[in-house]
Amino acid sequence: MDRQADTLTAGPGHAVTEAVNDAVRAAITRLVQSHEADLDAYKGPIYFMMHGLRSEERARELAAALHAALYGNLTPLTRAVPSTT
């Protein structure tokens, strides 16, 4: 399964903070390192994409978490992709 999220359709006034961008990039990096997403994942800052997700359900969970993060709510992302530390 493939999933992508972007800020391009949010409108010209929407901005993603550096903290959110860093959190999304770190989550995608963890997914790649755990082999849940393919190595060709794209980690922003405006466009995020992952390939090779194991199921439609997981892909939808991650897409929703990415969407929430791009609008400032990191909670779903930290639940979906917990830190390894």
Protein backbone atom coordinates (compact mmCIF):
# COMPACT_ATOMS: atom_id res chain seq x y z
CA MET A 1 0.00 0.00 0.00
CA ASP A 2 1.12 3.54 -0.68
CA ARG A 3 0.15 6.68 1.22
CA GLN A 4 0.93 10.33 0.77
CA ALA A 5 0.09 13.57 2.48
CA ASP A 6 0.89 17.11 1.50
CA THR A 7 0.33 20.71 2.50
CA LEU A 8 -0.18 21.92 -1.06
CA THR A 9 -3.99 21.84 -0.89
CA ALA A 10 -4.20 23.52 2.52
CA GLY A 11 -4.03 26.99 1.03
CA PRO A 12 -1.42 29.71 0.94
CA GLY A 13 -1.77 30.63 4.63
CA HIS A 14 -1.03 27.14 5.96
CA ALA A 15 2.43 26.56 7.36
CA VAL A 16 3.92 23.49 8.98
CA THR A 17 6.15 24.31 11.94
CA GLU A 18 9.70 23.05 12.08
CA ALA A 19 8.82 20.93 15.13
CA VAL A 20 5.98 19.20 13.25
CA ASN A 21 8.16 18.67 10.20
CA ASP A 22 10.89 17.17 12.38
CA ALA A 23 8.39 14.86 14.10
CA VAL A 24 6.95 13.63 10.78
CA ARG A 25 10.41 13.07 9.32
CA ALA A 26 11.47 11.14 12.43
CA ALA A 27 8.33 8.97 12.30
CA ILE A 28 8.85 8.13 8.64
CA THR A 29 12.52 7.36 9.34
CA ARG A 30 11.43 4.92 12.09
CA LEU A 31 8.98 3.27 9.68
CA VAL A 32 11.76 2.81 7.11
CA GLN A 33 14.23 1.53 9.72
CA SER A 34 11.71 -1.02 10.97
CA HIS A 35 11.07 -2.08 7.33
CA GLU A 36 7.41 -1.10 7.59
CA ALA A 37 7.85 1.44 4.77
CA ASP A 38 10.12 1.14 1.74
CA LEU A 39 13.46 2.97 1.53
CA ASP A 40 12.12 5.39 -1.10
CA ALA A 41 9.87 7.18 1.40
CA TYR A 42 9.81 10.93 0.81
CA LYS A 43 10.09 13.00 3.98
CA GLY A 44 8.90 16.51 3.16
CA PRO A 45 8.87 19.29 4.01
CA ILE A 46 5.83 19.91 1.82
CA TYR A 47 5.12 16.43 0.56
CA PHE A 48 5.35 13.11 2.43
CA MET A 49 4.99 9.68 0.83
CA MET A 50 5.49 6.06 1.88
CA HIS A 51 5.40 2.86 -0.20
CA GLY A 52 5.17 -0.77 0.80
CA LEU A 53 2.90 -0.51 3.82
CA ARG A 54 1.58 -3.90 4.93
CA SER A 55 -2.16 -3.27 4.76
CA GLU A 56 -4.84 -0.82 3.74
CA GLU A 57 -5.81 -0.41 7.40
CA ARG A 58 -2.26 0.54 8.42
CA ALA A 59 -1.90 2.82 5.42
CA ARG A 60 -5.11 4.65 6.39
CA GLU A 61 -3.99 4.91 10.02
CA LEU A 62 -0.69 6.48 8.96
CA ALA A 63 -2.33 8.80 6.44
CA ALA A 64 -4.75 10.07 9.10
CA ALA A 65 -1.88 10.50 11.58
CA LEU A 66 0.17 12.42 9.01
CA HIS A 67 -2.79 14.62 8.17
CA ALA A 68 -3.39 15.43 11.83
CA ALA A 69 0.31 16.17 12.32
CA LEU A 70 0.39 18.53 9.36
CA TYR A 71 -2.35 20.50 11.11
CA GLY A 72 -0.47 20.57 14.42
CA ASN A 73 -1.84 17.51 16.25
CA LEU A 74 1.05 15.10 16.81
CA THR A 75 -0.84 12.74 19.15
CA PRO A 76 -2.12 10.33 16.44
CA LEU A 77 1.35 10.18 14.91
CA THR A 78 3.07 9.39 18.21
CA ARG A 79 0.47 6.67 18.84
CA ALA A 80 0.82 5.20 15.33
CA VAL A 81 4.62 5.37 15.24
CA PRO A 82 5.99 5.41 18.80
CA SER A 83 9.53 6.52 19.46
CA THR A 84 12.03 3.74 19.98
CA THR A 85 13.68 5.52 22.90
